[in-house]
């Protein structure tokens, strides 16, 4: 990371950082794997209390965006008691990838979910070239065997962190 870990934090998206957050873009070869931040912010607005959007900030610079989902009924028609929380979106600016910001963001989201009482964190990813699967597996996520809209579903036990 470019500055000390003490300057790295997740911050709410505010009028002061909104333009910087919306300007984030991943590498061109990753654009098919993750939605643009502006779409995520619109979804966060539409989903209210179940979305937890945050800027990833290093010092004064926005280097990424992360959004968690909180306590959603995963498949209410099949099992309305299956309530899950996890990582909904992760966008690290192309210029700031491979510097540990993604790892920091996932760890910070996991800590927030644990603080809120969750025992597991879920994530999904598109299979195929450029998939973030190796990244999530390196953080301890394990595939559940489920698919969600064609994406692999994985889970991380928060007690192990």
C-alpha atoms as a PDB file:
ATOM      1  CA  UNK A   1       0.000   0.000   0.000  1.00  0.00           C
ATOM      2  CA  UNK A   2       1.199   3.458  -0.742  1.00  0.00           C
ATOM      3  CA  UNK A   3       0.837   4.833   2.789  1.00  0.00           C
ATOM      4  CA  UNK A   4       0.734   3.388   6.263  1.00  0.00           C
ATOM      5  CA  UNK A   5      -2.005   0.972   7.240  1.00  0.00           C
ATOM      6  CA  UNK A   6      -3.112   3.547   9.840  1.00  0.00           C
ATOM      7  CA  UNK A   7      -4.313   5.848   7.051  1.00  0.00           C
ATOM      8  CA  UNK A   8      -6.373   3.112   5.358  1.00  0.00           C
ATOM      9  CA  UNK A   9     -10.090   3.060   6.159  1.00  0.00           C
ATOM     10  CA  UNK A  10     -13.604   2.468   4.896  1.00  0.00           C
ATOM     11  CA  UNK A  11     -15.608   5.672   4.777  1.00  0.00           C
ATOM     12  CA  UNK A  12     -19.260   6.404   4.031  1.00  0.00           C
ATOM     13  CA  UNK A  13     -19.946   7.766   0.564  1.00  0.00           C
ATOM     14  CA  UNK A  14     -20.692  11.457   1.071  1.00  0.00           C
ATOM     15  CA  UNK A  15     -21.103  14.537  -1.118  1.00  0.00           C
ATOM     16  CA  UNK A  16     -17.394  15.248  -0.475  1.00  0.00           C
ATOM     17  CA  UNK A  17     -16.141  11.943  -1.940  1.00  0.00           C
ATOM     18  CA  UNK A  18     -19.026  11.046  -4.273  1.00  0.00           C
ATOM     19  CA  UNK A  19     -17.311  12.213  -7.487  1.00  0.00           C
ATOM     20  CA  UNK A  20     -14.076  10.375  -6.641  1.00  0.00           C
ATOM     21  CA  UNK A  21     -15.987   7.194  -5.789  1.00  0.00           C
ATOM     22  CA  UNK A  22     -18.009   7.355  -9.029  1.00  0.00           C
ATOM     23  CA  UNK A  23     -14.842   7.993 -11.071  1.00  0.00           C
ATOM     24  CA  UNK A  24     -13.305   4.667  -9.995  1.00  0.00           C
ATOM     25  CA  UNK A  25     -12.753   2.215 -12.812  1.00  0.00           C
ATOM     26  CA  UNK A  26     -11.308  -1.268 -12.876  1.00  0.00           C
ATOM     27  CA  UNK A  27      -9.050  -2.585 -15.638  1.00  0.00           C
ATOM     28  CA  UNK A  28     -10.783  -2.963 -19.021  1.00  0.00           C
ATOM     29  CA  UNK A  29     -10.463  -6.770 -18.828  1.00  0.00           C
ATOM     30  CA  UNK A  30     -12.406  -6.710 -15.537  1.00  0.00           C
ATOM     31  CA  UNK A  31     -15.322  -4.529 -16.607  1.00  0.00           C
ATOM     32  CA  UNK A  32     -17.505  -7.543 -17.428  1.00  0.00           C
ATOM     33  CA  UNK A  33     -16.958  -8.945 -13.923  1.00  0.00           C
ATOM     34  CA  UNK A  34     -18.187  -6.078 -11.743  1.00  0.00           C
ATOM     35  CA  UNK A  35     -20.780  -3.335 -12.108  1.00  0.00           C
ATOM     36  CA  UNK A  36     -19.726   0.308 -12.241  1.00  0.00           C
ATOM     37  CA  UNK A  37     -19.755   2.063  -8.883  1.00  0.00           C
ATOM     38  CA  UNK A  38     -22.585   4.391  -9.913  1.00  0.00           C
ATOM     39  CA  UNK A  39     -24.850   1.345 -10.453  1.00  0.00           C
ATOM     40  CA  UNK A  40     -23.856   0.006  -7.030  1.00  0.00           C
ATOM     41  CA  UNK A  41     -24.721   3.332  -5.415  1.00  0.00           C
ATOM     42  CA  UNK A  42     -28.116   3.325  -7.126  1.00  0.00           C
ATOM     43  CA  UNK A  43     -28.714  -0.227  -5.856  1.00  0.00           C
ATOM     44  CA  UNK A  44     -27.621   0.830  -2.368  1.00  0.00           C
ATOM     45  CA  UNK A  45     -30.190   3.622  -2.453  1.00  0.00           C
ATOM     46  CA  UNK A  46     -32.917   1.275  -3.703  1.00  0.00           C
ATOM     47  CA  UNK A  47     -32.125  -1.417  -1.125  1.00  0.00           C
ATOM     48  CA  UNK A  48     -31.846   0.946   1.853  1.00  0.00           C
ATOM     49  CA  UNK A  49     -30.840  -0.750   5.086  1.00  0.00           C
ATOM     50  CA  UNK A  50     -29.694  -3.994   3.437  1.00  0.00           C
ATOM     51  CA  UNK A  51     -26.849  -2.268   1.543  1.00  0.00           C
ATOM     52  CA  UNK A  52     -23.666  -0.983   3.192  1.00  0.00           C
ATOM     53  CA  UNK A  53     -21.645   1.025   0.613  1.00  0.00           C
ATOM     54  CA  UNK A  54     -18.197   2.378   1.542  1.00  0.00           C
ATOM     55  CA  UNK A  55     -15.312   4.168  -0.108  1.00  0.00           C
ATOM     56  CA  UNK A  56     -11.913   2.576   0.414  1.00  0.00           C
ATOM     57  CA  UNK A  57      -9.678   5.493   1.356  1.00  0.00           C
ATOM     58  CA  UNK A  58      -5.894   5.651   1.755  1.00  0.00           C
ATOM     59  CA  UNK A  59      -4.967   8.929   3.385  1.00  0.00           C
ATOM     60  CA  UNK A  60      -7.069  11.410   1.423  1.00  0.00           C
ATOM     61  CA  UNK A  61      -7.289   9.336  -1.766  1.00  0.00           C
ATOM     62  CA  UNK A  62     -10.251   7.142  -2.742  1.00  0.00           C
ATOM     63  CA  UNK A  63      -8.678   3.929  -4.067  1.00  0.00           C
ATOM     64  CA  UNK A  64     -11.719   1.675  -4.226  1.00  0.00           C
ATOM     65  CA  UNK A  65     -15.303   0.928  -3.369  1.00  0.00           C
ATOM     66  CA  UNK A  66     -16.871  -1.921  -1.433  1.00  0.00           C
ATOM     67  CA  UNK A  67     -20.495  -2.710  -0.686  1.00  0.00           C
ATOM     68  CA  UNK A  68     -21.825  -5.312   1.689  1.00  0.00           C
ATOM     69  CA  UNK A  69     -25.310  -6.774   1.823  1.00  0.00           C
ATOM     70  CA  UNK A  70     -26.844  -7.145   5.264  1.00  0.00           C
ATOM     71  CA  UNK A  71     -29.334  -9.737   6.454  1.00  0.00           C
ATOM     72  CA  UNK A  72     -31.100 -10.590   3.213  1.00  0.00           C
ATOM     73  CA  UNK A  73     -33.329 -13.590   2.612  1.00  0.00           C
ATOM     74  CA  UNK A  74     -31.092 -15.487   0.196  1.00  0.00           C
ATOM     75  CA  UNK A  75     -33.789 -17.490  -1.559  1.00  0.00           C
ATOM     76  CA  UNK A  76     -37.066 -16.626   0.184  1.00  0.00           C
ATOM     77  CA  UNK A  77     -39.202 -18.946  -1.949  1.00  0.00           C
ATOM     78  CA  UNK A  78     -37.040 -21.930  -1.030  1.00  0.00           C
ATOM     79  CA  UNK A  79     -36.133 -21.108   2.601  1.00  0.00           C
ATOM     80  CA  UNK A  80     -37.229 -17.768   4.078  1.00  0.00           C
ATOM     81  CA  UNK A  81     -35.147 -18.510   7.203  1.00  0.00           C
ATOM     82  CA  UNK A  82     -31.872 -18.530   5.204  1.00  0.00           C
ATOM     83  CA  UNK A  83     -30.710 -14.993   6.033  1.00  0.00           C
ATOM     84  CA  UNK A  84     -27.248 -14.023   4.757  1.00  0.00           C
ATOM     85  CA  UNK A  85     -24.805 -11.134   4.771  1.00  0.00           C
ATOM     86  CA  UNK A  86     -21.700 -10.677   2.701  1.00  0.00           C
ATOM     87  CA  UNK A  87     -19.752  -8.897   0.034  1.00  0.00           C
ATOM     88  CA  UNK A  88     -21.895  -7.488  -2.769  1.00  0.00           C
ATOM     89  CA  UNK A  89     -19.370  -5.425  -4.742  1.00  0.00           C
ATOM     90  CA  UNK A  90     -15.652  -4.758  -4.717  1.00  0.00           C
ATOM     91  CA  UNK A  91     -14.082  -2.291  -7.129  1.00  0.00           C
ATOM     92  CA  UNK A  92     -10.419  -1.397  -6.758  1.00  0.00           C
ATOM     93  CA  UNK A  93      -9.186   1.341  -9.077  1.00  0.00           C
ATOM     94  CA  UNK A  94      -7.039  -0.061 -11.887  1.00  0.00           C
ATOM     95  CA  UNK A  95      -4.147   2.142 -10.736  1.00  0.00           C
ATOM     96  CA  UNK A  96      -4.320   0.729  -7.202  1.00  0.00           C
ATOM     97  CA  UNK A  97      -4.715  -3.005  -7.738  1.00  0.00           C
ATOM     98  CA  UNK A  98      -2.261  -5.529  -6.258  1.00  0.00           C
ATOM     99  CA  UNK A  99      -1.442  -3.216  -3.354  1.00  0.00           C
ATOM    100  CA  UNK A 100      -3.522  -4.953  -0.659  1.00  0.00           C
ATOM    101  CA  UNK A 101      -6.557  -2.672  -0.824  1.00  0.00           C
ATOM    102  CA  UNK A 102      -8.948  -5.470  -1.799  1.00  0.00           C
ATOM    103  CA  UNK A 103      -7.696  -7.681   1.027  1.00  0.00           C
ATOM    104  CA  UNK A 104      -8.103  -4.784   3.456  1.00  0.00           C
ATOM    105  CA  UNK A 105     -11.653  -4.083   2.256  1.00  0.00           C
ATOM    106  CA  UNK A 106     -12.811  -7.699   2.507  1.00  0.00           C
ATOM    107  CA  UNK A 107     -11.270  -8.033   5.973  1.00  0.00           C
ATOM    108  CA  UNK A 108     -12.931  -4.781   7.092  1.00  0.00           C
ATOM    109  CA  UNK A 109     -16.321  -5.900   5.750  1.00  0.00           C
ATOM    110  CA  UNK A 110     -15.922  -9.265   7.506  1.00  0.00           C
ATOM    111  CA  UNK A 111     -15.153  -7.449  10.774  1.00  0.00           C
ATOM    112  CA  UNK A 112     -18.246  -5.243  10.330  1.00  0.00           C
ATOM    113  CA  UNK A 113     -20.440  -8.273   9.645  1.00  0.00           C
ATOM    114  CA  UNK A 114     -19.037 -10.048  12.704  1.00  0.00           C
ATOM    115  CA  UNK A 115     -19.686  -6.891  14.783  1.00  0.00           C
ATOM    116  CA  UNK A 116     -23.311  -7.003  13.584  1.00  0.00           C
ATOM    117  CA  UNK A 117     -23.638 -10.629  14.726  1.00  0.00           C
ATOM    118  CA  UNK A 118     -23.092 -12.545  11.486  1.00  0.00           C
ATOM    119  CA  UNK A 119     -21.264 -15.869  11.674  1.00  0.00           C
ATOM    120  CA  UNK A 120     -20.615 -16.183   7.926  1.00  0.00           C
ATOM    121  CA  UNK A 121     -19.870 -13.853   5.016  1.00  0.00           C
ATOM    122  CA  UNK A 122     -20.907 -14.751   1.475  1.00  0.00           C
ATOM    123  CA  UNK A 123     -19.586 -13.645  -1.897  1.00  0.00           C
ATOM    124  CA  UNK A 124     -20.295 -14.532  -5.514  1.00  0.00           C
ATOM    125  CA  UNK A 125     -18.137 -14.314  -8.617  1.00  0.00           C
ATOM    126  CA  UNK A 126     -18.427 -14.878 -12.331  1.00  0.00           C
ATOM    127  CA  UNK A 127     -16.531 -17.966 -13.514  1.00  0.00           C
ATOM    128  CA  UNK A 128     -14.115 -17.722 -16.416  1.00  0.00           C
ATOM    129  CA  UNK A 129     -11.055 -15.743 -17.462  1.00  0.00           C
ATOM    130  CA  UNK A 130     -10.025 -13.020 -15.045  1.00  0.00           C
ATOM    131  CA  UNK A 131     -12.314 -14.298 -12.303  1.00  0.00           C
ATOM    132  CA  UNK A 132     -11.549 -13.080  -8.765  1.00  0.00           C
ATOM    133  CA  UNK A 133     -11.885 -16.671  -7.544  1.00  0.00           C
ATOM    134  CA  UNK A 134      -8.171 -17.068  -6.600  1.00  0.00           C
ATOM    135  CA  UNK A 135      -8.327 -13.830  -4.600  1.00  0.00           C
ATOM    136  CA  UNK A 136     -11.398 -14.894  -2.610  1.00  0.00           C
ATOM    137  CA  UNK A 137     -10.066 -18.419  -2.052  1.00  0.00           C
ATOM    138  CA  UNK A 138      -6.815 -16.910  -0.710  1.00  0.00           C
ATOM    139  CA  UNK A 139      -8.893 -15.039   1.877  1.00  0.00           C
ATOM    140  CA  UNK A 140     -10.531 -18.241   3.100  1.00  0.00           C
ATOM    141  CA  UNK A 141     -13.798 -18.260   1.162  1.00  0.00           C
ATOM    142  CA  UNK A 142     -14.934 -21.739   0.145  1.00  0.00           C
ATOM    143  CA  UNK A 143     -17.467 -22.538  -2.614  1.00  0.00           C
ATOM    144  CA  UNK A 144     -20.811 -23.741  -1.263  1.00  0.00           C
ATOM    145  CA  UNK A 145     -21.748 -25.668  -4.401  1.00  0.00           C
ATOM    146  CA  UNK A 146     -24.533 -23.163  -5.079  1.00  0.00           C
ATOM    147  CA  UNK A 147     -24.963 -20.870  -8.061  1.00  0.00           C
ATOM    148  CA  UNK A 148     -26.667 -17.467  -7.987  1.00  0.00           C
ATOM    149  CA  UNK A 149     -27.539 -15.968 -11.374  1.00  0.00           C
ATOM    150  CA  UNK A 150     -24.760 -18.053 -12.935  1.00  0.00           C
ATOM    151  CA  UNK A 151     -22.191 -16.993 -10.362  1.00  0.00           C
ATOM    152  CA  UNK A 152     -20.291 -19.205  -7.927  1.00  0.00           C
ATOM    153  CA  UNK A 153     -21.386 -18.738  -4.293  1.00  0.00           C
ATOM    154  CA  UNK A 154     -18.725 -18.961  -1.576  1.00  0.00           C
ATOM    155  CA  UNK A 155     -18.761 -18.574   2.184  1.00  0.00           C
ATOM    156  CA  UNK A 156     -16.257 -17.478   4.824  1.00  0.00           C
ATOM    157  CA  UNK A 157     -16.656 -18.543   8.446  1.00  0.00           C
ATOM    158  CA  UNK A 158     -16.186 -15.379  10.472  1.00  0.00           C
ATOM    159  CA  UNK A 159     -15.325 -17.221  13.681  1.00  0.00           C
ATOM    160  CA  UNK A 160     -12.023 -18.222  12.051  1.00  0.00           C
ATOM    161  CA  UNK A 161     -10.877 -14.625  11.604  1.00  0.00           C
END
